[in-house]
Amino acid sequence: MAALFLAPFYLAVCFYVLNWMLKWMAVCNNIFALAAFRYGFSALYILTATTLLSSFLIKKPDGLHRTLKHISNLWLGTFLYALIGIGIADFIRILLYFSPLADASWFHSKLMFAATGFFTGVLILFFSFYGFFHAKKLYTTTWNISSAKSCSGHDTLKIALIADLHLGYNTDEIFLKRLVKRINKLQPDLIIVAGDTFDNDFHAIKHPQKCASILSALKSTYGTYCCYGNHDLDEAILAGFTFGGQKENADERFEQFFHDAGMTLLDDEVRLIKNHFYLIGRKDPARCKKLISEKERLTPNQLTQHLDKSKPILIIDHQPKELSLLADAGADLILGGHTHNGQLFPGNLLLPLMWENPYGLLKKGNAYSVVTSGAGVWGPNMRLGTKSEICLVKMQFHS
């Protein structure tokens, strides 16, 4: 219902952007003012703007479907910055119109109008191209924390944390190979994949066996552990909105992929790793609500009540919620993702309004929360003001 409600608004802003683009191009060259060009450009614009719908409806042939998905993802990011750029330019124009400068001859000149359009267009293209290529670059972020507990055999535990791979249209085998190489170079003791490995569509992964094989090359002392995220189920999505309601069961291919990739799935499960520390993986609350067969996830106290709390307790929880409850239940380290740190500016500025720890490191009681911005991207295959990252958490213990 939300998608249908927002559709008229989307069409309105699409027309708003198209209208200003045609006006600016028309003053640059007479060719752009010709009816044939305006109709042709408008048709191409409409086809691109509606790839959100056409990629949802057209599933076959697979090559066409994937092409439409790639175009729609590129379109989403570019359109966002087109709307922001044109909106700011239009707002400044309105302010100047009601100022004394409105009477100046340059304000009404053709050259000034063309220059405004050109400058706005260059900025839109720059941010779009930068965002696209920046999303492909992997960073390593290191967080140093300390614990009053001791950990048998370790003064420091090195944990490689990744999340939000969103395997499929935006994350391919080339990116995964670089990711695995970077993680292995860190020589971690433990590797954590904190949810949203998938992108709501197993079919979106062009070569699932090859991707699983690449990820199986991850190396660490204690192995690779993962939990589910809200996107780790198969469901129809149109412009970010899900359709179809609840599903009876989860897609078994997801769990099989984890097995083939050498990852141990913890779904409201506790593991005592070599008698050194506890590792707990939580169910995702949003995923539980969408699957009829899923039980409600256990509370933090239910997960930790029978544990030896003199040992370090590490918890993987995709969405960084219930931090106080987890800390009170004895957690020493809470590892998550989900937020992407907003992925695209200005989203990263708004996240603190919604999340206690939208990104980075936060001390909560005796526990630390570490939230990664994610290794992959969701929706627009761009990043601006954020980064695709691997987090290296160095947890120091008192001996």
Protein backbone atom coordinates (compact mmCIF):
# COMPACT_ATOMS: atom_id res chain seq x y z
CA MET A 1 0.00 0.00 0.00
CA ALA A 2 2.84 2.41 0.83
CA ALA A 3 4.31 1.96 -2.65
CA LEU A 4 0.96 2.81 -4.29
CA PHE A 5 0.53 5.82 -2.00
CA LEU A 6 4.00 7.19 -2.86
CA ALA A 7 3.74 6.52 -6.62
CA PRO A 8 2.03 9.88 -7.44
CA PHE A 9 4.68 11.73 -5.42
CA TYR A 10 7.45 9.89 -7.30
CA LEU A 11 5.88 10.75 -10.66
CA ALA A 12 5.55 14.40 -9.62
CA VAL A 13 9.20 14.77 -8.64
CA CYS A 14 10.26 12.92 -11.81
CA PHE A 15 8.33 15.47 -13.88
CA TYR A 16 9.85 18.31 -11.83
CA VAL A 17 13.40 17.13 -12.60
CA LEU A 18 12.61 16.49 -16.29
CA ASN A 19 11.04 19.93 -16.69
CA TRP A 20 14.13 21.74 -15.40
CA MET A 21 16.48 19.56 -17.47
CA LEU A 22 14.59 20.37 -20.67
CA LYS A 23 14.54 24.09 -19.85
CA TRP A 24 18.27 24.23 -19.15
CA MET A 25 19.21 22.24 -22.25
CA ALA A 26 16.97 24.37 -24.49
CA VAL A 27 18.92 27.56 -23.70
CA CYS A 28 22.27 25.87 -24.34
CA ASN A 29 21.70 24.95 -27.97
CA ASN A 30 18.83 25.29 -30.45
CA ILE A 31 19.03 21.57 -31.24
CA PHE A 32 17.94 20.79 -27.67
CA ALA A 33 14.91 23.02 -28.14
CA LEU A 34 13.62 21.02 -31.13
CA ALA A 35 10.44 19.03 -30.54
CA ALA A 36 12.06 15.84 -31.87
CA PHE A 37 14.86 16.04 -29.30
CA ARG A 38 12.53 16.95 -26.44
CA TYR A 39 10.20 14.02 -27.18
CA GLY A 40 13.09 11.58 -27.64
CA PHE A 41 14.86 12.71 -24.47
CA SER A 42 11.61 12.59 -22.49
CA ALA A 43 10.89 9.06 -23.71
CA LEU A 44 14.38 7.88 -22.68
CA TYR A 45 13.99 9.60 -19.31
CA ILE A 46 10.61 7.93 -18.68
CA LEU A 47 11.95 4.50 -19.67
CA THR A 48 14.85 4.93 -17.23
CA ALA A 49 12.67 6.30 -14.42
CA THR A 50 10.26 3.37 -14.74
CA THR A 51 12.96 0.66 -14.58
CA LEU A 52 11.99 0.38 -10.90
CA LEU A 53 8.70 -1.10 -12.10
CA SER A 54 9.86 -2.80 -15.30
CA SER A 55 12.68 -4.69 -13.51
CA PHE A 56 10.07 -5.87 -10.99
CA LEU A 57 7.65 -7.10 -13.65
CA ILE A 58 10.07 -8.46 -16.27
CA LYS A 59 11.82 -11.59 -14.98
CA LYS A 60 12.62 -13.26 -18.30
CA PRO A 61 14.90 -13.31 -20.17
CA ASP A 62 17.39 -13.18 -17.30
CA GLY A 63 19.79 -10.91 -19.18
CA LEU A 64 17.12 -8.25 -19.71
CA HIS A 65 15.96 -8.49 -16.09
CA ARG A 66 19.51 -7.98 -14.79
CA THR A 67 20.11 -5.07 -17.15
CA LEU A 68 16.96 -3.35 -15.93
CA LYS A 69 17.96 -3.94 -12.29
CA HIS A 70 21.41 -2.44 -12.85
CA ILE A 71 19.88 0.60 -14.58
CA SER A 72 17.28 1.06 -11.83
CA ASN A 73 19.96 0.93 -9.10
CA LEU A 74 22.07 3.51 -10.92
CA TRP A 75 18.98 5.61 -11.53
CA LEU A 76 18.01 5.69 -7.85
CA GLY A 77 21.30 7.24 -6.75
CA THR A 78 21.60 9.65 -9.67
CA PHE A 79 17.97 10.73 -9.33
CA LEU A 80 18.45 11.44 -5.62
CA TYR A 81 21.28 13.85 -6.33
CA ALA A 82 19.48 15.32 -9.33
CA LEU A 83 16.51 16.08 -7.10
CA ILE A 84 18.73 17.55 -4.37
CA GLY A 85 20.81 19.61 -6.82
CA ILE A 86 17.87 20.97 -8.82
CA GLY A 87 15.87 21.55 -5.64
CA ILE A 88 18.69 23.65 -4.12
CA ALA A 89 19.17 25.62 -7.36
CA ASP A 90 15.44 26.29 -7.56
CA PHE A 91 15.28 27.31 -3.90
CA ILE A 92 18.13 29.79 -4.37
CA ARG A 93 16.36 31.17 -7.46
CA ILE A 94 13.19 31.77 -5.42
CA LEU A 95 15.15 33.50 -2.64
CA LEU A 96 16.87 35.76 -5.16
CA TYR A 97 13.54 36.51 -6.83
CA PHE A 98 12.27 38.12 -3.62
CA SER A 99 15.53 39.96 -2.98
CA PRO A 100 16.77 43.29 -4.44
CA LEU A 101 18.92 41.26 -6.83
CA ALA A 102 15.81 40.25 -8.77
CA ASP A 103 15.96 43.56 -10.67
CA ALA A 104 19.55 42.99 -11.85
CA SER A 105 19.90 42.30 -15.56
CA TRP A 106 22.21 39.31 -15.01
CA PHE A 107 19.51 37.57 -12.95
CA HIS A 108 17.26 37.33 -16.04
CA SER A 109 20.01 36.69 -18.60
CA LYS A 110 20.11 33.61 -20.81
CA LEU A 111 23.79 33.12 -19.95
CA MET A 112 23.07 33.02 -16.21
CA PHE A 113 20.25 30.51 -16.69
CA ALA A 114 22.44 28.25 -18.85
CA ALA A 115 25.38 28.52 -16.44
CA THR A 116 23.17 27.51 -13.50
CA GLY A 117 21.92 24.45 -15.36
CA PHE A 118 25.41 23.48 -16.51
CA PHE A 119 26.93 23.85 -13.04
CA THR A 120 24.09 21.86 -11.44
CA GLY A 121 24.40 19.12 -14.06
CA VAL A 122 28.17 18.82 -13.57
CA LEU A 123 27.72 18.48 -9.80
CA ILE A 124 25.04 15.80 -10.23
CA LEU A 125 27.26 13.78 -12.59
CA PHE A 126 30.32 14.23 -10.37
CA PHE A 127 28.59 13.00 -7.21
CA SER A 128 26.96 10.11 -9.09
CA PHE A 129 30.21 8.88 -10.67
CA TYR A 130 32.15 9.38 -7.45
CA GLY A 131 29.50 7.54 -5.43
CA PHE A 132 29.50 4.62 -7.87
CA PHE A 133 33.27 4.10 -7.87
CA HIS A 134 33.66 4.91 -4.17
CA ALA A 135 31.23 2.08 -3.30
CA LYS A 136 33.62 -0.40 -4.94
CA LYS A 137 36.54 0.65 -2.73
CA LEU A 138 37.08 -1.37 0.44
CA TYR A 139 38.38 0.24 3.63
CA THR A 140 39.57 -1.35 6.85
CA THR A 141 38.44 0.32 10.08
CA THR A 142 40.11 -0.72 13.32
CA TRP A 143 38.45 -0.50 16.74
CA ASN A 144 40.40 -1.15 19.94
CA ILE A 145 38.44 -2.20 23.01
CA SER A 146 39.33 -3.68 26.38
CA SER A 147 37.63 -6.15 28.69
CA ALA A 148 38.06 -6.70 32.41
CA LYS A 149 37.66 -10.42 31.78
CA SER A 150 40.35 -12.88 30.82
CA CYS A 151 40.28 -15.08 27.74
CA SER A 152 42.22 -18.32 27.91
CA GLY A 153 45.00 -18.34 25.34
CA HIS A 154 44.52 -14.71 24.28
CA ASP A 155 45.76 -11.34 25.40
CA THR A 156 43.99 -9.88 22.37
CA LEU A 157 41.27 -11.37 20.18
CA LYS A 158 41.27 -10.11 16.58
CA ILE A 159 37.78 -10.14 15.08
CA ALA A 160 37.08 -9.33 11.42
CA LEU A 161 33.52 -7.99 11.15
CA ILE A 162 31.61 -7.59 7.90
CA ALA A 163 27.89 -7.22 7.20
CA ASP A 164 25.40 -6.27 4.51
CA LEU A 165 27.04 -7.95 1.53
CA HIS A 166 23.69 -7.93 -0.31
CA LEU A 167 24.95 -10.51 -2.78
CA GLY A 168 23.36 -10.14 -6.18
CA TYR A 169 23.04 -7.22 -8.53
CA ASN A 170 25.48 -4.90 -6.72
CA THR A 171 28.00 -7.37 -5.28
CA ASP A 172 29.77 -9.75 -7.65
CA GLU A 173 32.57 -12.33 -7.57
CA ILE A 174 35.31 -9.78 -8.30
CA PHE A 175 34.35 -7.77 -5.23
CA LEU A 176 34.14 -10.92 -3.09
CA LYS A 177 37.65 -12.00 -4.10
CA ARG A 178 39.04 -8.63 -3.01
CA LEU A 179 37.05 -8.86 0.23
CA VAL A 180 38.38 -12.33 1.08
CA LYS A 181 41.94 -11.33 0.25
CA ARG A 182 41.73 -8.25 2.50
CA ILE A 183 40.24 -10.18 5.42
CA ASN A 184 42.78 -12.99 5.21
CA LYS A 185 45.59 -10.44 5.18
CA LEU A 186 44.39 -9.24 8.61
CA GLN A 187 44.97 -12.77 10.02
CA PRO A 188 41.92 -12.63 12.30
CA ASP A 189 41.15 -15.05 15.10
CA LEU A 190 37.44 -14.91 14.28
CA ILE A 191 35.37 -13.77 11.29
CA ILE A 192 31.82 -12.48 11.79
CA VAL A 193 29.25 -11.89 9.02
CA ALA A 194 26.53 -9.89 10.78
CA GLY A 195 23.50 -10.38 8.53
CA ASP A 196 22.08 -9.33 5.17
CA THR A 197 24.37 -11.60 3.21
CA PHE A 198 21.59 -11.77 0.61
CA ASP A 199 19.42 -9.18 -1.12
CA ASN A 200 15.89 -10.65 -0.79
CA ASP A 201 16.37 -12.69 -3.94
CA PHE A 202 18.58 -15.79 -4.18
CA HIS A 203 18.16 -15.68 -7.96
CA ALA A 204 19.91 -12.28 -7.92
CA ILE A 205 23.20 -14.12 -7.33
CA LYS A 206 24.29 -14.98 -10.84
CA HIS A 207 26.73 -17.72 -9.81
CA PRO A 208 25.88 -18.76 -6.22
CA GLN A 209 28.22 -21.76 -6.15
CA LYS A 210 31.13 -19.64 -7.30
CA CYS A 211 30.37 -16.97 -4.68
CA ALA A 212 30.14 -19.61 -1.95
CA SER A 213 33.43 -21.10 -3.08
CA ILE A 214 35.13 -17.70 -2.91
CA LEU A 215 33.85 -17.05 0.61
CA SER A 216 34.92 -20.53 1.74
CA ALA A 217 38.53 -19.35 1.32
CA LEU A 218 38.19 -17.09 4.39
CA LYS A 219 40.77 -18.08 6.98
CA SER A 220 40.81 -17.53 10.73
CA THR A 221 41.72 -19.35 13.94
CA TYR A 222 38.16 -20.17 14.99
CA GLY A 223 36.24 -19.99 11.70
CA THR A 224 33.51 -17.83 10.17
CA TYR A 225 30.18 -17.32 11.95
CA CYS A 226 27.08 -15.52 10.72
CA CYS A 227 23.52 -14.58 11.61
CA TYR A 228 20.48 -13.74 9.52
CA GLY A 229 19.46 -10.18 8.65
CA ASN A 230 16.14 -8.69 7.56
CA HIS A 231 17.02 -9.11 3.86
CA ASP A 232 18.02 -12.77 4.22
CA LEU A 233 14.79 -14.20 2.85
CA ASP A 234 13.27 -14.56 -0.59
CA GLU A 235 10.54 -12.00 -1.24
CA ALA A 236 9.34 -9.66 -3.98
CA ILE A 237 10.51 -6.04 -3.61
CA LEU A 238 9.49 -2.98 -5.59
CA ALA A 239 11.44 0.23 -4.89
CA GLY A 240 12.29 -0.98 -1.40
CA PHE A 241 8.75 -2.11 -0.52
CA THR A 242 7.97 -5.79 0.00
CA PHE A 243 4.98 -7.60 -1.48
CA GLY A 244 3.34 -10.90 -0.69
CA GLY A 245 2.92 -10.75 3.08
CA GLN A 246 4.10 -13.60 5.31
CA LYS A 247 5.80 -16.69 3.91
CA GLU A 248 5.33 -20.19 5.25
CA ASN A 249 8.98 -21.21 5.29
CA ALA A 250 12.44 -19.78 4.64
CA ASP A 251 14.23 -20.51 1.38
CA GLU A 252 16.52 -23.48 2.13
CA ARG A 253 19.04 -22.27 -0.45
CA PHE A 254 20.18 -19.51 1.89
CA GLU A 255 21.20 -21.93 4.64
CA GLN A 256 22.81 -24.24 2.09
CA PHE A 257 24.83 -21.30 0.77
CA PHE A 258 26.20 -20.64 4.27
CA HIS A 259 27.19 -24.29 4.55
CA ASP A 260 28.93 -24.25 1.15
CA ALA A 261 30.71 -21.00 2.07
CA GLY A 262 32.11 -22.53 5.24
CA MET A 263 30.06 -20.27 7.51
CA THR A 264 28.44 -21.45 10.72
CA LEU A 265 24.96 -19.98 11.08
CA LEU A 266 23.91 -19.04 14.62
CA ASP A 267 20.17 -18.46 14.75
CA ASP A 268 19.40 -17.75 18.42
CA GLU A 269 22.19 -20.17 19.27
CA VAL A 270 25.10 -20.11 21.72
CA ARG A 271 28.53 -21.60 21.04
CA LEU A 272 31.38 -21.98 23.51
CA ILE A 273 34.43 -21.55 21.30
CA LYS A 274 37.28 -23.83 22.43
CA ASN A 275 36.26 -23.12 26.04
CA HIS A 276 37.71 -19.60 25.56
CA PHE A 277 34.65 -17.39 24.94
CA TYR A 278 30.96 -17.54 24.09
CA LEU A 279 29.59 -16.53 20.71
CA ILE A 280 25.84 -15.91 20.32
CA GLY A 281 24.00 -15.26 17.07
CA ARG A 282 20.53 -13.73 17.32
CA LYS A 283 17.51 -14.08 15.07
CA ASP A 284 16.50 -10.97 13.16
CA PRO A 285 13.15 -9.59 14.45
CA ALA A 286 11.94 -8.35 11.04
CA ARG A 287 12.73 -11.71 9.42
CA CYS A 288 10.89 -13.57 12.20
CA LYS A 289 7.72 -11.56 11.56
CA LYS A 290 7.74 -12.44 7.86
CA LEU A 291 8.14 -16.19 8.30
CA ILE A 292 5.23 -18.17 9.75
CA SER A 293 7.49 -21.08 10.63
CA GLU A 294 9.86 -18.88 12.69
CA LYS A 295 9.55 -18.64 16.45
CA GLU A 296 9.97 -15.30 18.20
CA ARG A 297 13.57 -14.67 19.03
CA LEU A 298 14.86 -15.29 22.54
CA THR A 299 15.42 -12.37 24.88
CA PRO A 300 18.98 -11.41 25.87
CA ASN A 301 18.46 -12.90 29.35
CA GLN A 302 17.16 -16.17 27.92
CA LEU A 303 20.28 -16.46 25.77
CA THR A 304 22.80 -15.80 28.54
CA GLN A 305 21.13 -16.99 31.76
CA HIS A 306 22.97 -20.33 31.91
CA LEU A 307 26.38 -19.08 30.74
CA ASP A 308 29.56 -18.76 32.75
CA LYS A 309 29.75 -14.98 32.75
CA SER A 310 33.38 -14.95 33.82
CA LYS A 311 34.11 -15.79 30.17
CA PRO A 312 33.82 -13.15 27.41
CA ILE A 313 30.40 -13.09 25.73
CA LEU A 314 30.25 -11.92 22.11
CA ILE A 315 26.88 -11.37 20.45
CA ILE A 316 26.05 -11.03 16.74
CA ASP A 317 22.85 -9.04 16.25
CA HIS A 318 22.20 -7.68 12.76
CA GLN A 319 20.13 -4.68 13.84
CA PRO A 320 21.78 -2.63 16.62
CA LYS A 321 18.79 -2.70 18.96
CA GLU A 322 18.35 -3.68 22.60
CA LEU A 323 21.88 -2.57 23.47
CA SER A 324 21.03 -1.87 27.11
CA LEU A 325 19.26 -5.24 27.49
CA LEU A 326 22.21 -7.07 25.95
CA ALA A 327 24.70 -5.24 28.18
CA ASP A 328 22.62 -6.02 31.28
CA ALA A 329 22.46 -9.68 30.21
CA GLY A 330 26.25 -9.92 30.35
CA ALA A 331 27.36 -9.14 26.80
CA ASP A 332 30.90 -7.82 26.43
CA LEU A 333 30.79 -7.13 22.70
CA ILE A 334 27.77 -6.64 20.41
CA LEU A 335 28.51 -6.84 16.68
CA GLY A 336 26.04 -5.56 14.09
CA GLY A 337 25.38 -3.79 10.81
CA HIS A 338 22.09 -3.01 9.02
CA THR A 339 22.34 0.80 9.01
CA HIS A 340 24.94 1.13 6.20
CA ASN A 341 25.75 4.37 8.06
CA GLY A 342 23.11 5.90 5.79
CA GLN A 343 25.02 4.78 2.65
CA LEU A 344 24.22 8.03 0.79
CA PHE A 345 24.62 11.56 2.13
CA PRO A 346 22.58 13.09 3.75
CA GLY A 347 21.26 9.79 5.12
CA ASN A 348 24.25 9.46 7.44
CA LEU A 349 23.27 12.75 9.13
CA LEU A 350 19.75 11.48 9.90
CA LEU A 351 20.61 8.06 11.38
CA PRO A 352 21.37 9.31 14.92
CA LEU A 353 17.68 10.24 15.13
CA MET A 354 16.74 6.57 14.69
CA TRP A 355 19.55 4.50 16.20
CA GLU A 356 21.40 4.70 19.49
CA ASN A 357 24.54 3.53 17.71
CA PRO A 358 24.07 4.15 13.98
CA TYR A 359 27.73 3.48 13.21
CA GLY A 360 31.04 2.86 14.91
CA LEU A 361 31.88 2.20 18.54
CA LEU A 362 29.66 2.84 21.56
CA LYS A 363 30.23 1.87 25.20
CA LYS A 364 27.03 0.67 26.88
CA GLY A 365 27.52 -0.28 30.49
CA ASN A 366 30.26 -2.91 30.48
CA ALA A 367 29.59 -3.79 26.84
CA TYR A 368 30.85 -2.37 23.59
CA SER A 369 28.65 -2.05 20.52
CA VAL A 370 30.40 -2.06 17.14
CA VAL A 371 28.25 -1.29 14.09
CA THR A 372 29.79 -1.54 10.65
CA SER A 373 28.68 0.51 7.64
CA GLY A 374 28.71 -2.73 5.64
CA ALA A 375 30.83 -4.20 2.90
CA GLY A 376 28.12 -4.05 0.23
CA VAL A 377 25.32 -1.70 -0.73
CA TRP A 378 21.54 -1.95 -0.97
CA GLY A 379 19.45 -0.30 -3.68
CA PRO A 380 21.54 2.49 -5.26
CA ASN A 381 24.96 1.02 -6.04
CA MET A 382 26.65 4.15 -4.68
CA ARG A 383 28.19 5.46 -1.48
CA LEU A 384 28.64 9.11 -0.63
CA GLY A 385 29.72 10.29 2.80
CA THR A 386 30.12 6.65 3.92
CA LYS A 387 32.39 3.74 3.06
CA SER A 388 32.32 0.03 2.28
CA GLU A 389 34.38 -1.52 5.03
CA ILE A 390 35.84 -4.41 6.92
CA CYS A 391 35.97 -3.76 10.66
CA LEU A 392 38.88 -5.16 12.62
CA VAL A 393 37.95 -5.29 16.31
CA LYS A 394 40.90 -5.83 18.62
CA MET A 395 39.54 -6.97 21.97
CA GLN A 396 42.19 -6.81 24.69
CA PHE A 397 41.81 -8.89 27.86
CA HIS A 398 43.24 -8.63 31.34
CA SER A 399 45.27 -11.70 32.14
